[in-house]
N, C-alpha and C. Protein backbone atom coordinates (compact mmCIF):
# COMPACT_ATOMS: atom_id res chain seq x y z
N ALA A 1 22.29 -6.40 60.71
CA ALA A 1 21.77 -6.58 59.25
C ALA A 1 20.59 -7.43 59.18
N ASP A 2 19.70 -6.95 58.42
CA ASP A 2 18.51 -7.70 58.08
C ASP A 2 18.67 -8.81 57.11
N LYS A 3 18.22 -10.00 57.49
CA LYS A 3 18.48 -11.04 56.49
C LYS A 3 17.16 -11.23 55.67
N ASP A 4 17.41 -11.40 54.26
CA ASP A 4 16.23 -11.59 53.46
C ASP A 4 15.66 -13.05 53.48
N ILE A 5 14.39 -12.94 53.16
CA ILE A 5 13.63 -14.21 53.25
C ILE A 5 13.71 -14.90 51.79
N ASP A 6 13.88 -16.06 51.79
CA ASP A 6 13.82 -16.90 50.47
C ASP A 6 12.44 -17.69 50.67
N GLN A 7 11.46 -17.51 49.72
CA GLN A 7 10.44 -18.25 49.76
C GLN A 7 9.75 -18.46 48.44
N LYS A 8 9.07 -19.58 48.19
CA LYS A 8 8.33 -19.82 46.88
C LYS A 8 7.00 -19.87 47.29
N THR A 9 6.22 -19.15 46.56
CA THR A 9 4.63 -19.05 46.76
C THR A 9 3.89 -19.79 45.51
N PHE A 10 3.10 -20.62 45.76
CA PHE A 10 2.30 -21.06 44.57
C PHE A 10 0.80 -20.80 44.82
N LEU A 11 0.19 -20.07 44.06
CA LEU A 11 -1.13 -19.75 44.09
C LEU A 11 -1.97 -20.39 43.05
N SER A 12 -2.99 -20.96 43.15
CA SER A 12 -3.84 -21.62 42.16
C SER A 12 -5.07 -20.93 41.99
N PHE A 13 -5.29 -20.52 40.75
CA PHE A 13 -6.52 -19.70 40.20
C PHE A 13 -7.30 -20.38 39.28
N ILE A 14 -8.57 -20.30 39.32
CA ILE A 14 -9.45 -20.46 38.13
C ILE A 14 -9.80 -19.21 37.55
N ASN A 15 -9.41 -19.06 36.32
CA ASN A 15 -9.64 -17.70 35.75
C ASN A 15 -10.77 -18.00 34.63
N VAL A 16 -11.72 -17.01 34.57
CA VAL A 16 -12.79 -17.08 33.57
C VAL A 16 -12.69 -15.85 32.64
N PRO A 17 -12.20 -15.99 31.47
CA PRO A 17 -12.08 -14.92 30.47
C PRO A 17 -13.43 -14.63 29.88
N LEU A 18 -13.60 -13.34 29.63
CA LEU A 18 -14.89 -13.02 28.93
C LEU A 18 -14.49 -12.20 27.75
N ASN A 19 -14.04 -12.83 26.81
CA ASN A 19 -13.43 -12.18 25.53
C ASN A 19 -14.48 -11.98 24.44
N MET A 20 -14.20 -10.86 23.65
CA MET A 20 -14.77 -10.68 22.43
C MET A 20 -13.79 -10.98 21.40
N LYS A 21 -14.19 -11.66 20.31
CA LYS A 21 -13.28 -12.24 19.28
C LYS A 21 -13.77 -11.72 17.86
N GLY A 22 -12.80 -11.19 17.32
CA GLY A 22 -13.09 -10.73 15.79
C GLY A 22 -12.09 -11.28 14.86
N TYR A 23 -12.83 -11.89 13.75
CA TYR A 23 -11.96 -12.30 12.68
C TYR A 23 -11.61 -11.20 11.71
N LEU A 24 -10.35 -11.17 11.17
CA LEU A 24 -9.98 -10.06 10.45
C LEU A 24 -10.32 -10.02 8.88
N SER A 25 -10.96 -11.00 8.41
CA SER A 25 -11.59 -11.11 7.16
C SER A 25 -12.67 -12.15 7.13
N GLU A 26 -13.23 -12.32 5.88
CA GLU A 26 -14.30 -13.38 5.64
C GLU A 26 -13.79 -14.65 5.16
N ALA A 27 -12.48 -14.76 5.02
CA ALA A 27 -11.73 -16.11 4.57
C ALA A 27 -12.06 -17.09 5.56
N GLU A 28 -12.05 -18.37 5.01
CA GLU A 28 -12.17 -19.54 5.88
C GLU A 28 -11.06 -19.75 6.80
N SER A 29 -9.80 -19.47 6.36
CA SER A 29 -8.50 -19.59 7.18
C SER A 29 -7.93 -18.14 7.32
N GLU A 30 -8.02 -17.77 8.54
CA GLU A 30 -7.56 -16.38 8.79
C GLU A 30 -7.02 -16.02 10.14
N PHE A 31 -6.68 -14.83 10.38
CA PHE A 31 -6.21 -14.39 11.75
C PHE A 31 -7.38 -13.87 12.44
N PHE A 32 -7.36 -13.79 13.79
CA PHE A 32 -8.36 -13.18 14.61
C PHE A 32 -7.71 -12.49 15.75
N ALA A 33 -8.39 -11.72 16.42
CA ALA A 33 -8.01 -10.85 17.63
C ALA A 33 -9.04 -11.03 18.79
N GLU A 34 -8.67 -11.09 19.97
CA GLU A 34 -9.56 -11.21 21.05
C GLU A 34 -9.13 -10.30 22.21
N PHE A 35 -10.14 -9.80 22.93
CA PHE A 35 -9.87 -8.78 24.02
C PHE A 35 -11.05 -8.81 24.99
N GLY A 36 -10.68 -8.68 26.26
CA GLY A 36 -11.69 -8.76 27.24
C GLY A 36 -11.20 -8.83 28.62
N PRO A 37 -12.09 -8.71 29.65
CA PRO A 37 -11.66 -8.79 30.94
C PRO A 37 -11.70 -10.28 31.33
N TYR A 38 -11.09 -10.60 32.54
CA TYR A 38 -11.23 -11.89 33.15
C TYR A 38 -11.44 -11.74 34.70
N ILE A 39 -12.13 -12.76 35.31
CA ILE A 39 -12.18 -12.69 36.77
C ILE A 39 -11.46 -14.10 37.20
N GLY A 40 -10.88 -13.96 38.37
CA GLY A 40 -10.10 -15.21 38.80
C GLY A 40 -10.49 -15.40 40.33
N PHE A 41 -10.56 -16.86 40.65
CA PHE A 41 -10.88 -17.13 42.06
C PHE A 41 -9.76 -18.08 42.59
N LYS A 42 -9.19 -17.82 43.63
CA LYS A 42 -8.27 -18.61 44.21
C LYS A 42 -8.79 -19.83 44.72
N ILE A 43 -8.11 -21.03 44.44
CA ILE A 43 -8.66 -22.25 44.81
C ILE A 43 -7.57 -23.02 45.72
N GLY A 44 -6.35 -22.47 45.87
CA GLY A 44 -5.31 -23.00 46.70
C GLY A 44 -4.15 -22.25 46.77
N GLU A 45 -3.32 -22.48 47.80
CA GLU A 45 -1.90 -21.84 47.90
C GLU A 45 -1.11 -22.75 48.71
N LYS A 46 0.25 -22.62 48.37
CA LYS A 46 1.28 -23.42 49.03
C LYS A 46 2.47 -22.54 49.11
N ILE A 47 2.97 -22.40 50.31
CA ILE A 47 4.14 -21.46 50.65
C ILE A 47 5.31 -22.42 51.19
N ASP A 48 6.46 -22.38 50.44
CA ASP A 48 7.60 -23.01 50.87
C ASP A 48 8.58 -21.98 51.36
N LYS A 49 8.89 -21.81 52.63
CA LYS A 49 9.87 -20.78 53.16
C LYS A 49 11.22 -21.52 53.37
N PHE A 50 12.21 -20.77 53.19
CA PHE A 50 13.65 -21.18 53.27
C PHE A 50 14.33 -20.26 54.12
N ASP A 51 15.33 -20.54 54.93
CA ASP A 51 16.02 -19.66 55.98
C ASP A 51 15.07 -19.22 56.96
N PHE A 52 15.54 -18.14 57.61
CA PHE A 52 14.73 -17.58 58.81
C PHE A 52 14.01 -16.25 58.12
N PRO A 53 12.57 -16.33 58.34
CA PRO A 53 11.97 -15.07 57.79
C PRO A 53 12.11 -13.90 58.57
N THR A 54 12.37 -12.84 57.90
CA THR A 54 12.37 -11.51 58.30
C THR A 54 11.13 -10.70 58.16
N GLU A 55 10.38 -11.22 57.20
CA GLU A 55 8.95 -10.46 56.86
C GLU A 55 8.02 -10.96 57.86
N PRO A 56 6.89 -10.15 58.17
CA PRO A 56 5.87 -10.62 59.16
C PRO A 56 5.14 -11.80 58.36
N ASP A 57 4.71 -12.72 59.30
CA ASP A 57 3.92 -13.81 58.88
C ASP A 57 2.54 -13.49 58.55
N ASP A 58 2.14 -12.20 58.64
CA ASP A 58 0.66 -11.84 58.40
C ASP A 58 0.36 -11.45 57.05
N GLU A 59 1.17 -11.92 56.03
CA GLU A 59 0.95 -11.54 54.73
C GLU A 59 -0.37 -12.34 54.33
N LYS A 60 -1.12 -11.60 53.47
CA LYS A 60 -2.34 -12.29 53.14
C LYS A 60 -2.42 -12.20 51.55
N TYR A 61 -2.77 -13.51 51.04
CA TYR A 61 -2.89 -13.57 49.49
C TYR A 61 -4.40 -13.34 49.24
N ASN A 62 -4.71 -12.39 48.23
CA ASN A 62 -6.06 -12.13 47.72
C ASN A 62 -6.62 -13.36 47.20
N SER A 63 -7.87 -13.63 47.37
CA SER A 63 -8.57 -14.78 46.80
C SER A 63 -9.39 -14.44 45.56
N PHE A 64 -9.19 -13.17 45.08
CA PHE A 64 -9.97 -12.76 43.83
C PHE A 64 -9.02 -12.03 43.04
N ASP A 65 -9.14 -12.07 41.65
CA ASP A 65 -8.36 -11.21 40.68
C ASP A 65 -9.26 -10.84 39.67
N PHE A 66 -8.86 -9.75 39.03
CA PHE A 66 -9.68 -9.11 37.98
C PHE A 66 -8.71 -8.47 36.97
N GLY A 67 -8.73 -8.59 35.69
CA GLY A 67 -7.86 -8.08 34.88
C GLY A 67 -8.31 -8.03 33.40
N LEU A 68 -7.36 -7.55 32.41
CA LEU A 68 -7.71 -7.60 30.98
C LEU A 68 -6.70 -8.36 30.23
N GLY A 69 -7.25 -8.97 29.17
CA GLY A 69 -6.44 -9.85 28.25
C GLY A 69 -6.54 -9.27 26.83
N LEU A 70 -5.50 -9.66 26.15
CA LEU A 70 -5.47 -9.31 24.63
C LEU A 70 -4.74 -10.57 23.94
N GLY A 71 -5.29 -11.07 22.90
CA GLY A 71 -4.85 -12.11 22.21
C GLY A 71 -4.87 -12.16 20.78
N PHE A 72 -4.25 -13.00 20.08
CA PHE A 72 -4.31 -13.07 18.57
C PHE A 72 -4.13 -14.67 18.22
N GLY A 73 -4.64 -14.88 17.07
CA GLY A 73 -4.57 -16.26 16.69
C GLY A 73 -4.83 -16.44 15.27
N PHE A 74 -4.84 -17.80 14.93
CA PHE A 74 -4.98 -18.21 13.57
C PHE A 74 -6.09 -19.30 13.46
N SER A 75 -7.03 -19.15 12.64
CA SER A 75 -8.01 -20.07 12.48
C SER A 75 -7.94 -20.96 11.16
N PHE A 76 -7.93 -22.29 11.22
CA PHE A 76 -7.85 -23.14 9.96
C PHE A 76 -9.26 -23.67 9.64
N ASN A 77 -9.70 -23.04 8.66
CA ASN A 77 -11.05 -23.52 8.10
C ASN A 77 -12.21 -23.25 9.28
N ARG A 78 -11.96 -22.44 10.05
CA ARG A 78 -12.94 -22.07 11.15
C ARG A 78 -13.26 -23.28 12.04
N GLU A 79 -12.44 -24.30 12.05
CA GLU A 79 -12.61 -25.47 13.00
C GLU A 79 -11.51 -25.75 13.81
N PHE A 80 -10.34 -25.40 13.48
CA PHE A 80 -9.16 -25.68 14.34
C PHE A 80 -8.42 -24.37 14.49
N GLU A 81 -8.12 -23.96 15.76
CA GLU A 81 -7.53 -22.71 16.01
C GLU A 81 -6.36 -22.68 16.92
N LEU A 82 -5.35 -21.87 16.71
CA LEU A 82 -4.03 -21.72 17.63
C LEU A 82 -4.08 -20.14 18.03
N SER A 83 -3.83 -19.97 19.22
CA SER A 83 -3.85 -18.66 19.82
C SER A 83 -2.93 -18.32 20.85
N ILE A 84 -2.56 -17.20 21.10
CA ILE A 84 -1.66 -16.75 22.29
C ILE A 84 -2.35 -15.52 22.82
N ARG A 85 -2.36 -15.40 24.16
CA ARG A 85 -3.06 -14.38 24.93
C ARG A 85 -2.23 -13.99 26.12
N TYR A 86 -2.18 -12.61 26.39
CA TYR A 86 -1.45 -12.16 27.60
C TYR A 86 -2.56 -11.39 28.39
N SER A 87 -2.57 -11.65 29.63
CA SER A 87 -3.41 -11.03 30.59
C SER A 87 -2.74 -10.37 31.73
N TYR A 88 -3.25 -9.21 32.18
CA TYR A 88 -2.56 -8.54 33.32
C TYR A 88 -3.68 -8.32 34.37
N GLY A 89 -3.39 -8.62 35.63
CA GLY A 89 -4.36 -8.46 36.72
C GLY A 89 -4.13 -7.14 37.38
N PHE A 90 -5.33 -6.49 37.85
CA PHE A 90 -5.26 -5.10 38.36
C PHE A 90 -5.28 -5.27 40.01
N VAL A 91 -5.60 -6.45 40.46
CA VAL A 91 -5.63 -6.69 41.95
C VAL A 91 -4.27 -6.85 42.52
N ASP A 92 -3.90 -6.18 43.64
CA ASP A 92 -2.61 -6.52 44.47
C ASP A 92 -2.85 -7.82 45.02
N GLN A 93 -2.14 -8.76 44.73
CA GLN A 93 -2.34 -10.06 45.36
C GLN A 93 -1.71 -10.41 46.65
N VAL A 94 -0.87 -9.45 47.19
CA VAL A 94 -0.25 -9.72 48.52
C VAL A 94 -0.49 -8.52 49.39
N GLU A 95 -1.18 -8.72 50.50
CA GLU A 95 -1.33 -7.67 51.52
C GLU A 95 -0.41 -7.90 52.53
N ASN A 96 0.05 -6.70 53.11
CA ASN A 96 0.84 -6.74 54.32
C ASN A 96 2.35 -7.25 53.90
N ASP A 97 2.70 -7.08 52.62
CA ASP A 97 4.12 -7.63 52.52
C ASP A 97 5.15 -6.61 53.00
N ALA A 98 6.30 -6.89 53.48
CA ALA A 98 7.21 -6.06 54.10
C ALA A 98 7.73 -5.03 53.29
N ALA A 99 7.83 -5.23 51.93
CA ALA A 99 8.28 -4.17 51.03
C ALA A 99 7.24 -3.30 50.49
N ASP A 100 6.08 -3.64 50.79
CA ASP A 100 4.76 -2.82 50.46
C ASP A 100 4.73 -2.75 48.91
N ASP A 101 5.11 -3.71 48.18
CA ASP A 101 5.32 -3.72 46.74
C ASP A 101 3.78 -4.09 46.08
N LYS A 102 3.63 -3.66 44.92
CA LYS A 102 2.49 -4.11 44.23
C LYS A 102 2.70 -5.39 43.54
N ASN A 103 1.78 -6.42 43.66
CA ASN A 103 2.08 -7.72 43.25
C ASN A 103 0.88 -8.08 42.34
N HIS A 104 1.10 -7.93 41.00
CA HIS A 104 0.01 -8.22 40.15
C HIS A 104 0.18 -9.53 39.33
N THR A 105 -0.95 -10.01 38.88
CA THR A 105 -0.80 -11.30 38.11
C THR A 105 -0.45 -10.98 36.68
N SER A 106 0.35 -11.75 36.06
CA SER A 106 0.75 -11.67 34.66
C SER A 106 0.74 -13.01 34.01
N ILE A 107 -0.18 -13.22 33.06
CA ILE A 107 -0.47 -14.41 32.45
C ILE A 107 -0.13 -14.49 30.99
N LEU A 108 0.50 -15.54 30.48
CA LEU A 108 0.78 -15.91 29.13
C LEU A 108 0.19 -17.18 28.79
N ASN A 109 -0.83 -17.14 27.83
CA ASN A 109 -1.54 -18.38 27.64
C ASN A 109 -1.41 -18.76 26.15
N PHE A 110 -1.24 -20.04 25.95
CA PHE A 110 -1.24 -20.62 24.62
C PHE A 110 -2.42 -21.48 24.41
N GLY A 111 -3.19 -21.36 23.34
CA GLY A 111 -4.42 -22.06 23.19
C GLY A 111 -4.47 -22.97 21.93
N VAL A 112 -5.11 -24.05 22.21
CA VAL A 112 -5.64 -24.93 20.81
C VAL A 112 -6.96 -25.21 20.99
N SER A 113 -7.73 -24.91 19.97
CA SER A 113 -9.08 -25.16 20.02
C SER A 113 -9.69 -25.81 18.76
N TYR A 114 -10.63 -26.62 19.10
CA TYR A 114 -11.41 -27.44 18.00
C TYR A 114 -12.89 -26.95 18.11
N ILE A 115 -13.43 -26.53 16.95
CA ILE A 115 -14.77 -26.06 17.05
C ILE A 115 -15.73 -27.08 16.49
N PHE A 116 -16.70 -27.57 17.25
CA PHE A 116 -17.69 -28.47 16.81
C PHE A 116 -18.97 -27.73 16.26
N TYR A 117 -19.42 -28.26 15.15
CA TYR A 117 -20.65 -27.60 14.60
C TYR A 117 -21.72 -28.50 14.72
């Protein structure tokens, strides 16, 4: 019987969102929505393996990511903002995995912004 592998994989990316933002009214304090693509560049990886691996060690982790994000938030007097955004990556992040699964990035982001005029 095959033995499963237990491993933790930590990938570090710098993501650059290219969002369009629209305020839902002309009021000073109001809700807004944002939508747009992002690109990501891997800057590091750390793999902790436990037990004896049964998967091939030739797994490769993609160094690039691309996806779309959608977010909502609230602006206080157009100078302080709180937001939440979800992004989903379209690039399969693991090549040569034994299960041949699709491994996509899924990001939940909470934001706090202060706008300088």
